[in-house]
Amino acid sequence: MVADPYPVLERMRSTSPVLREPSLGVVVVTGYEEALAVVSDHESFSSCNTVTGPVPGFPVPLDGLDESEVRALIEAHRDELPFSDQLPSFDPPKHTAHRSLLSRLITPKRLKENEEFMWRLADQVLEPYVAAGGGEFIRAVGNPVALLVIADLLGVPEADRPELTARLTGDVSLGSTNETAMEHAPLEYLYARFSDYIEDRRRRPRRDVMTEMAHATFPDGSTPEVIDVVRVAANLFSAGQETTVRLLSSALKILAEDPELQQRLRRAPELVTNFVEEALRFESPIRGDFRLARATTDVGGVQIPAGAVVMVHYGAANRDPRQFDNPDVFDLDRHNARRHIAFGRGVHSCIGAPLARAEAKVVIQRLLATTSAIEIDGAHHGPADARRYDYVPTYILRGLTDLHLKLTPAADTESAEAVTG
């Protein structure tokens, strides 16, 4: 189930695209249209439990209560849940106001500047990795690239980036099945570090991104507390980094198993964009999000009662045959691959999606350009007919804990440069 959950998810969807899972009592949504219906309806479904889901569960029982009681209890007790102070756990209008603090920074101009940094960073990180003939990809490439791209976007001083990298590239805690890991996530470190940054820029403004963040206002013109700004920045670091790392590792696993696909992408690097979208559909880095039903709601002809925990399974929805032909086949030429919902939809759609897409494109193009072959290291993952992979133990993320690759460097550097244009 962990290595390949898709046959089980397909059987569930065949029974019903909205189905109560018996062991934890979670309503699992595996259909594409049904998933869109839930994530687009923030009035009926609260995001207060989006990270925690059924573990540790809501602080008070909600079963059998009417809608007004459920709504009242959610508002009274939501702050007792882990990660309740994080942006994904907010509902509108609070979510709208706090998300605006980031959306004003992630502008087309800033993203363009950030992508220019990505190209330089990718070469810097990949050069020793390719020269060494590969190695463990996530620690050597995925983690530092994902973290430093966000650090650049938010204007973290370069002198502080080594410490940031060391502190934030440990074990995954987002949506962990381990309650202790939830309580000791690296968010505390981020809170302390960004509080210092924001307070300093409010006292002594500079001409930098951090100052823009420190002086951002809510849509109504009011000034947020320092902790409000810190929380949205910390969320972008913790969630954005993990999403990108899982996307990169899944995409490289697919690529390393298919030499013909590698050669096609080397000949036509513009197709890397298509490859990234199909990788997002095929192995969604976010398994799904949780919701808590505030009202009894019909989804796909199934009544979801008020108080029910709902998991919207993006990975399953992205393999719904009603939406995608031959969904279990990786198809570089799939015409509607970008209709996937790997980054969610609605008001809680991933604000860092443009970053993840750009990072994946840049890293994959440069890795293809500087190699003539990318292979799975059988010494770590077993022979081609009996691969062994370990996956992160979370309800939220779908991705590898490690990926060992063997690389053959490109013989002709000039031709490698031509591959990326």
Protein backbone atom coordinates (compact mmCIF):
# COMPACT_ATOMS: atom_id res chain seq x y z
CA MET A 1 0.00 0.00 0.00
CA VAL A 2 2.83 2.43 0.81
CA ALA A 3 4.94 1.58 -2.25
CA ASP A 4 1.98 1.45 -4.65
CA PRO A 5 -1.31 2.70 -3.20
CA TYR A 6 -3.01 3.17 -6.56
CA PRO A 7 -4.63 -0.28 -7.02
CA VAL A 8 -6.28 0.06 -3.59
CA LEU A 9 -7.39 3.61 -4.36
CA GLU A 10 -8.82 2.45 -7.69
CA ARG A 11 -10.84 -0.26 -5.96
CA MET A 12 -12.15 2.32 -3.50
CA ARG A 13 -13.12 4.68 -6.32
CA SER A 14 -14.81 1.83 -8.21
CA THR A 15 -16.92 1.16 -5.12
CA SER A 16 -17.66 4.85 -4.65
CA PRO A 17 -15.57 8.00 -5.27
CA VAL A 18 -16.73 9.14 -1.81
CA LEU A 19 -16.26 6.30 0.68
CA ARG A 20 -15.92 6.02 4.45
CA GLU A 21 -12.72 4.20 5.40
CA PRO A 22 -13.59 1.80 8.27
CA SER A 23 -10.48 1.80 10.50
CA LEU A 24 -10.36 5.54 11.28
CA GLY A 25 -13.81 6.51 10.01
CA VAL A 26 -12.40 9.02 7.52
CA VAL A 27 -14.44 9.81 4.41
CA VAL A 28 -11.97 9.38 1.52
CA VAL A 29 -12.66 11.26 -1.72
CA THR A 30 -10.91 9.58 -4.65
CA GLY A 31 -12.84 10.99 -7.62
CA TYR A 32 -11.66 14.03 -9.57
CA GLU A 33 -14.93 15.97 -9.75
CA GLU A 34 -15.80 15.00 -6.20
CA ALA A 35 -12.42 16.26 -4.97
CA LEU A 36 -12.98 19.58 -6.71
CA ALA A 37 -16.41 19.84 -5.10
CA VAL A 38 -14.95 19.52 -1.59
CA VAL A 39 -11.92 21.79 -1.93
CA SER A 40 -14.01 24.47 -3.65
CA ASP A 41 -16.59 24.59 -0.84
CA HIS A 42 -14.95 26.24 2.16
CA GLU A 43 -18.36 27.11 3.61
CA SER A 44 -19.26 23.44 4.14
CA PHE A 45 -15.75 22.11 4.78
CA SER A 46 -13.32 23.67 7.26
CA SER A 47 -9.55 23.41 6.80
CA CYS A 48 -8.84 23.46 10.54
CA ASN A 49 -7.60 19.84 10.38
CA THR A 50 -5.97 20.01 6.96
CA VAL A 51 -2.55 18.91 8.24
CA THR A 52 -3.49 16.65 11.15
CA GLY A 53 -6.46 14.74 9.74
CA PRO A 54 -7.48 11.88 12.05
CA VAL A 55 -4.30 12.06 14.17
CA PRO A 56 -4.66 13.18 16.91
CA GLY A 57 -8.27 13.89 15.99
CA PHE A 58 -10.51 16.80 16.93
CA PRO A 59 -10.28 17.78 20.63
CA VAL A 60 -13.98 17.10 21.32
CA PRO A 61 -16.46 14.56 19.86
CA LEU A 62 -18.53 15.80 16.91
CA ASP A 63 -20.40 12.64 15.88
CA GLY A 64 -24.17 12.84 15.92
CA LEU A 65 -24.36 16.60 16.48
CA ASP A 66 -26.38 18.97 14.34
CA GLU A 67 -24.75 21.51 12.04
CA SER A 68 -25.04 24.49 14.37
CA GLU A 69 -23.39 22.55 17.20
CA VAL A 70 -20.58 21.32 14.93
CA ARG A 71 -19.87 24.83 13.62
CA ALA A 72 -19.78 26.25 17.14
CA LEU A 73 -17.44 23.53 18.43
CA ILE A 74 -15.07 23.91 15.49
CA GLU A 75 -14.66 27.61 16.20
CA ALA A 76 -14.35 27.03 19.95
CA HIS A 77 -11.67 24.30 19.75
CA ARG A 78 -9.81 24.64 16.42
CA ASP A 79 -6.87 26.42 18.07
CA GLU A 80 -6.17 23.30 20.15
CA LEU A 81 -5.13 21.33 17.04
CA PRO A 82 -1.46 21.02 16.01
CA PHE A 83 -0.51 23.52 13.27
CA SER A 84 -3.61 25.60 14.02
CA ASP A 85 -1.50 28.75 13.67
CA GLN A 86 -0.43 27.89 10.12
CA LEU A 87 -1.93 29.36 6.96
CA PRO A 88 -3.31 26.08 5.51
CA SER A 89 -5.38 25.57 8.68
CA PHE A 90 -7.13 28.94 8.42
CA ASP A 91 -10.56 29.44 6.86
CA PRO A 92 -11.76 32.61 5.11
CA PRO A 93 -11.86 35.47 5.87
CA LYS A 94 -8.78 35.02 8.08
CA HIS A 95 -7.12 32.84 5.45
CA THR A 96 -7.75 35.42 2.72
CA ALA A 97 -6.17 38.22 4.74
CA HIS A 98 -3.07 36.26 5.75
CA ARG A 99 -2.50 34.70 2.32
CA SER A 100 -2.47 38.20 0.83
CA LEU A 101 0.76 38.89 2.73
CA LEU A 102 2.53 36.31 0.55
CA SER A 103 0.67 36.89 -2.71
CA ARG A 104 1.91 40.49 -2.74
CA LEU A 105 5.49 39.21 -2.65
CA ILE A 106 5.17 36.36 -5.15
CA THR A 107 4.78 38.67 -8.15
CA PRO A 108 5.73 37.94 -11.79
CA LYS A 109 8.75 40.27 -11.45
CA ARG A 110 9.96 38.58 -8.26
CA LEU A 111 9.41 35.10 -9.72
CA LYS A 112 11.45 36.02 -12.80
CA GLU A 113 14.32 37.22 -10.61
CA ASN A 114 14.01 34.06 -8.53
CA GLU A 115 14.17 31.82 -11.62
CA GLU A 116 17.39 33.51 -12.70
CA PHE A 117 18.78 32.54 -9.29
CA MET A 118 17.53 28.96 -9.81
CA TRP A 119 19.65 28.49 -12.93
CA ARG A 120 22.80 29.64 -11.14
CA LEU A 121 22.01 27.55 -8.06
CA ALA A 122 21.23 24.42 -10.09
CA ASP A 123 24.63 24.53 -11.79
CA GLN A 124 26.36 25.18 -8.47
CA VAL A 125 24.67 22.22 -6.75
CA LEU A 126 24.70 19.80 -9.68
CA GLU A 127 28.34 20.26 -10.72
CA PRO A 128 29.89 18.24 -7.85
CA TYR A 129 27.00 15.76 -7.88
CA VAL A 130 27.46 14.97 -11.58
CA ALA A 131 31.26 14.94 -11.29
CA ALA A 132 30.98 12.35 -8.52
CA GLY A 133 28.86 10.10 -10.72
CA GLY A 134 25.70 10.69 -8.68
CA GLY A 135 24.81 9.63 -5.18
CA GLU A 136 21.83 10.22 -2.91
CA PHE A 137 19.82 12.85 -4.77
CA ILE A 138 17.52 14.27 -2.08
CA ARG A 139 20.24 15.25 0.39
CA ALA A 140 22.76 16.35 -2.23
CA VAL A 141 20.45 18.22 -4.62
CA GLY A 142 16.76 18.26 -3.73
CA ASN A 143 16.94 19.66 -0.20
CA PRO A 144 19.46 22.46 -0.76
CA VAL A 145 17.88 23.60 -4.02
CA ALA A 146 14.34 23.69 -2.62
CA LEU A 147 15.35 25.50 0.56
CA LEU A 148 17.72 28.03 -0.99
CA VAL A 149 15.24 28.99 -3.71
CA ILE A 150 12.69 29.97 -1.06
CA ALA A 151 15.41 31.71 0.96
CA ASP A 152 16.26 33.78 -2.11
CA LEU A 153 12.60 34.54 -2.84
CA LEU A 154 12.03 35.87 0.67
CA GLY A 155 15.35 37.69 0.86
CA VAL A 156 17.05 35.71 3.62
CA PRO A 157 20.57 37.17 4.02
CA GLU A 158 23.19 34.98 2.32
CA ALA A 159 25.25 34.79 5.51
CA ASP A 160 22.36 33.05 7.27
CA ARG A 161 21.59 30.51 4.57
CA PRO A 162 24.09 27.78 5.61
CA GLU A 163 22.59 27.65 9.11
CA LEU A 164 19.08 27.65 7.66
CA THR A 165 19.96 24.74 5.38
CA ALA A 166 21.48 22.75 8.23
CA ARG A 167 18.47 23.28 10.51
CA LEU A 168 15.73 22.61 7.95
CA THR A 169 16.91 19.57 6.02
CA GLY A 170 16.19 16.93 8.65
CA ASP A 171 13.32 14.47 8.94
CA VAL A 172 9.91 15.26 7.46
CA SER A 173 7.30 16.40 9.98
CA LEU A 174 4.53 17.85 7.79
CA GLY A 175 1.49 15.65 8.30
CA SER A 176 3.60 13.11 10.13
CA THR A 177 1.97 10.02 11.60
CA ASN A 178 4.20 10.59 14.63
CA GLU A 179 2.64 12.99 17.15
CA THR A 180 6.03 13.78 18.73
CA ALA A 181 7.38 14.85 15.34
CA MET A 182 4.40 17.18 14.98
CA GLU A 183 5.21 18.85 18.27
CA HIS A 184 8.91 19.32 17.53
CA ALA A 185 8.78 20.52 13.94
CA PRO A 186 11.40 23.06 12.75
CA LEU A 187 8.74 25.77 12.82
CA GLU A 188 10.01 26.97 16.20
CA TYR A 189 13.38 27.75 14.67
CA LEU A 190 11.76 29.55 11.73
CA TYR A 191 9.55 31.59 14.03
CA ALA A 192 12.54 32.81 16.04
CA ARG A 193 14.67 33.57 12.99
CA PHE A 194 11.97 35.41 11.03
CA SER A 195 10.79 37.33 14.07
CA ASP A 196 14.28 38.81 14.27
CA TYR A 197 14.25 39.66 10.55
CA ILE A 198 10.82 41.31 10.56
CA GLU A 199 11.37 43.29 13.77
CA ASP A 200 14.73 44.53 12.46
CA ARG A 201 13.25 45.65 9.10
CA ARG A 202 10.41 47.47 10.84
CA ARG A 203 12.94 49.40 12.91
CA ARG A 204 15.49 49.89 10.11
CA PRO A 205 13.94 49.53 6.62
CA ARG A 206 16.26 48.56 3.76
CA ARG A 207 15.85 48.16 0.02
CA ASP A 208 15.22 44.41 0.15
CA VAL A 209 12.47 41.81 -0.03
CA MET A 210 12.46 41.28 3.72
CA THR A 211 11.59 44.95 4.24
CA GLU A 212 8.68 44.62 1.79
CA MET A 213 7.46 41.66 3.81
CA ALA A 214 7.85 43.52 7.10
CA HIS A 215 5.77 46.43 5.85
CA ALA A 216 3.07 44.43 4.01
CA THR A 217 -0.48 45.19 5.11
CA PHE A 218 -3.74 43.28 5.15
CA PRO A 219 -6.29 44.06 2.38
CA ASP A 220 -8.12 46.45 4.72
CA GLY A 221 -4.94 48.47 5.21
CA SER A 222 -4.25 47.32 8.76
CA THR A 223 -0.75 46.29 9.84
CA PRO A 224 -0.32 42.64 10.81
CA GLU A 225 1.43 41.64 14.00
CA VAL A 226 5.00 40.45 13.57
CA ILE A 227 3.94 36.87 14.30
CA ASP A 228 1.36 37.00 11.49
CA VAL A 229 4.05 37.80 8.93
CA VAL A 230 6.40 35.24 10.46
CA ARG A 231 3.82 32.47 10.22
CA VAL A 232 3.16 32.84 6.50
CA ALA A 233 6.89 32.99 5.75
CA ALA A 234 7.54 29.91 7.89
CA ASN A 235 4.74 28.06 6.15
CA LEU A 236 6.22 28.77 2.74
CA PHE A 237 9.54 27.36 3.94
CA SER A 238 8.23 24.21 5.60
CA ALA A 239 5.50 23.23 3.14
CA GLY A 240 7.10 24.63 -0.01
CA GLN A 241 10.39 22.89 0.57
CA GLU A 242 8.85 19.48 1.19
CA THR A 243 6.51 19.66 -1.80
CA THR A 244 9.34 20.53 -4.17
CA VAL A 245 11.68 17.85 -2.82
CA ARG A 246 9.04 15.13 -3.23
CA LEU A 247 8.23 16.33 -6.76
CA LEU A 248 11.90 16.31 -7.75
CA SER A 249 12.58 12.86 -6.32
CA SER A 250 9.50 11.30 -7.94
CA ALA A 251 10.28 12.93 -11.29
CA LEU A 252 13.90 11.74 -11.21
CA LYS A 253 12.81 8.21 -10.29
CA ILE A 254 10.53 8.15 -13.34
CA LEU A 255 13.26 9.59 -15.56
CA ALA A 256 15.99 7.26 -14.32
CA GLU A 257 13.89 4.20 -15.14
CA ASP A 258 13.33 5.30 -18.77
CA PRO A 259 16.45 5.88 -20.95
CA GLU A 260 14.34 6.56 -24.06
CA LEU A 261 12.42 9.29 -22.26
CA GLN A 262 15.72 10.85 -21.18
CA GLN A 263 16.96 10.96 -24.75
CA ARG A 264 13.73 12.44 -26.02
CA LEU A 265 13.92 15.23 -23.44
CA ARG A 266 17.58 15.88 -24.27
CA ARG A 267 16.63 16.28 -27.93
CA ALA A 268 13.61 18.47 -27.11
CA PRO A 269 14.21 20.23 -23.76
CA GLU A 270 11.07 22.31 -24.22
CA LEU A 271 9.14 19.11 -23.39
CA VAL A 272 10.50 19.15 -19.83
CA THR A 273 7.56 21.41 -18.94
CA ASN A 274 5.15 18.68 -20.14
CA PHE A 275 7.19 16.11 -18.25
CA VAL A 276 6.87 18.03 -14.98
CA GLU A 277 3.09 18.35 -15.34
CA GLU A 278 2.67 14.64 -16.06
CA ALA A 279 4.97 13.81 -13.13
CA LEU A 280 2.75 15.95 -10.89
CA ARG A 281 -0.31 14.07 -12.10
CA PHE A 282 1.28 10.62 -12.00
CA GLU A 283 2.92 10.92 -8.55
CA SER A 284 1.31 13.87 -6.81
CA PRO A 285 3.77 15.11 -4.13
CA ILE A 286 0.82 15.99 -1.91
CA ARG A 287 -1.28 12.87 -1.29
CA GLY A 288 -4.18 15.03 -0.26
CA ASP A 289 -5.62 17.41 2.29
CA PHE A 290 -8.04 16.89 5.13
CA ARG A 291 -11.23 18.79 5.79
CA LEU A 292 -13.77 18.78 8.62
CA ALA A 293 -17.40 18.88 7.50
CA ARG A 294 -19.20 21.84 9.05
CA ALA A 295 -22.49 20.93 7.41
CA THR A 296 -24.10 17.77 6.07
CA THR A 297 -23.24 17.98 2.39
CA ASP A 298 -23.96 15.94 -0.74
CA VAL A 299 -20.82 15.13 -2.72
CA GLY A 300 -21.17 12.87 -5.73
CA GLY A 301 -24.52 11.61 -4.48
CA VAL A 302 -23.11 10.67 -1.06
CA GLN A 303 -24.18 12.45 2.13
CA ILE A 304 -21.17 13.53 4.19
CA PRO A 305 -22.43 14.24 7.73
CA ALA A 306 -21.49 17.32 9.72
CA GLY A 307 -18.50 16.53 11.93
CA ALA A 308 -16.98 13.98 9.52
CA VAL A 309 -13.24 14.00 8.80
CA VAL A 310 -12.73 14.07 5.03
CA MET A 311 -9.56 13.26 3.11
CA VAL A 312 -9.41 14.67 -0.40
CA HIS A 313 -6.93 12.33 -2.07
CA TYR A 314 -5.25 14.27 -4.86
CA GLY A 315 -3.14 11.29 -5.91
CA ALA A 316 -6.28 9.22 -6.52
CA ALA A 317 -8.18 12.07 -8.19
CA ASN A 318 -5.29 12.56 -10.59
CA ARG A 319 -5.68 8.94 -11.71
CA ASP A 320 -9.45 9.07 -12.15
CA PRO A 321 -10.15 7.41 -15.54
CA ARG A 322 -13.22 9.61 -15.94
CA GLN A 323 -10.82 12.55 -16.29
CA PHE A 324 -7.57 11.03 -17.61
CA ASP A 325 -7.34 8.27 -20.23
CA ASN A 326 -5.12 5.33 -19.21
CA PRO A 327 -4.33 7.11 -15.94
CA ASP A 328 -1.78 4.53 -14.73
CA VAL A 329 0.42 5.14 -17.79
CA PHE A 330 3.00 7.94 -17.71
CA ASP A 331 2.38 9.80 -20.99
CA LEU A 332 4.64 12.70 -21.92
CA ASP A 333 2.16 13.71 -24.63
CA ARG A 334 -0.94 13.72 -22.42
CA HIS A 335 -2.97 16.70 -23.65
CA ASN A 336 -4.73 17.45 -20.36
CA ALA A 337 -1.98 16.64 -17.84
CA ARG A 338 -2.07 20.19 -16.49
CA ARG A 339 -5.65 19.64 -15.32
CA HIS A 340 -4.23 17.67 -12.41
CA ILE A 341 -4.94 18.92 -8.90
CA ALA A 342 -1.57 18.05 -7.39
CA PHE A 343 -1.43 21.53 -5.84
CA GLY A 344 -5.05 21.54 -4.75
CA ARG A 345 -7.67 24.01 -5.96
CA GLY A 346 -9.84 26.73 -4.51
CA VAL A 347 -8.79 29.25 -1.89
CA HIS A 348 -6.20 26.85 -0.43
CA SER A 349 -4.43 26.02 -3.70
CA CYS A 350 -0.67 25.95 -3.18
CA ILE A 351 0.67 29.49 -3.43
CA GLY A 352 4.15 28.09 -4.08
CA ALA A 353 3.10 26.05 -7.14
CA PRO A 354 4.92 28.36 -9.61
CA LEU A 355 8.11 27.90 -7.58
CA ALA A 356 7.88 24.10 -7.54
CA ARG A 357 7.20 23.95 -11.28
CA ALA A 358 10.10 26.26 -12.10
CA GLU A 359 12.54 24.46 -9.79
CA ALA A 360 11.67 21.08 -11.28
CA LYS A 361 12.07 22.39 -14.83
CA VAL A 362 15.44 24.00 -14.10
CA VAL A 363 16.95 21.08 -12.18
CA ILE A 364 15.78 18.47 -14.69
CA GLN A 365 16.93 20.46 -17.72
CA ARG A 366 20.37 21.04 -16.23
CA LEU A 367 20.75 17.43 -15.08
CA LEU A 368 19.82 16.16 -18.54
CA ALA A 369 22.17 18.69 -20.13
CA THR A 370 25.17 17.66 -18.06
CA THR A 371 24.70 13.88 -18.28
CA SER A 372 24.41 11.26 -20.98
CA ALA A 373 22.71 8.71 -18.71
CA ILE A 374 20.76 8.76 -15.45
CA GLU A 375 20.16 5.40 -13.74
CA ILE A 376 18.77 4.03 -10.51
CA ASP A 377 21.59 2.71 -8.33
CA GLY A 378 20.77 -0.96 -7.99
CA ALA A 379 23.17 -1.34 -5.06
CA HIS A 380 20.72 0.69 -2.96
CA HIS A 381 17.35 0.10 -4.64
CA GLY A 382 17.74 -3.42 -5.98
CA PRO A 383 17.65 -4.80 -9.54
CA ALA A 384 15.27 -3.44 -12.18
CA ASP A 385 12.75 -6.24 -11.65
CA ALA A 386 12.74 -5.92 -7.85
CA ARG A 387 13.19 -2.28 -6.88
CA ARG A 388 13.03 -1.22 -3.23
CA TYR A 389 12.02 2.31 -2.27
CA ASP A 390 11.16 3.87 1.08
CA TYR A 391 8.45 6.52 1.31
CA VAL A 392 7.97 9.33 3.84
CA PRO A 393 5.60 8.25 6.67
CA THR A 394 3.01 11.03 6.44
CA TYR A 395 -0.66 11.32 5.60
CA ILE A 396 0.00 14.44 3.54
CA LEU A 397 3.11 13.87 1.42
CA ARG A 398 3.84 11.24 -1.20
CA GLY A 399 7.53 10.88 -1.90
CA LEU A 400 10.76 9.02 -1.36
CA THR A 401 12.94 9.25 1.72
CA ASP A 402 16.02 8.73 -0.44
CA LEU A 403 16.90 8.26 -4.11
CA HIS A 404 20.30 6.94 -5.14
CA LEU A 405 21.26 7.66 -8.74
CA LYS A 406 24.18 6.71 -10.98
CA LEU A 407 25.15 9.36 -13.52
CA THR A 408 27.28 9.32 -16.64
CA PRO A 409 28.58 12.87 -17.24
CA ALA A 410 28.05 14.32 -20.70
CA ALA A 411 31.20 14.05 -22.82
CA ASP A 412 30.67 17.32 -24.67
CA THR A 413 30.12 20.36 -22.44
CA GLU A 414 29.21 22.59 -25.38
CA SER A 415 26.46 20.25 -26.55
CA ALA A 416 25.25 20.05 -22.96
CA GLU A 417 24.93 23.83 -22.86
CA ALA A 418 22.92 23.70 -26.09
CA VAL A 419 20.35 21.36 -24.56
CA THR A 420 19.05 24.09 -22.26
CA GLY A 421 19.25 26.79 -24.88
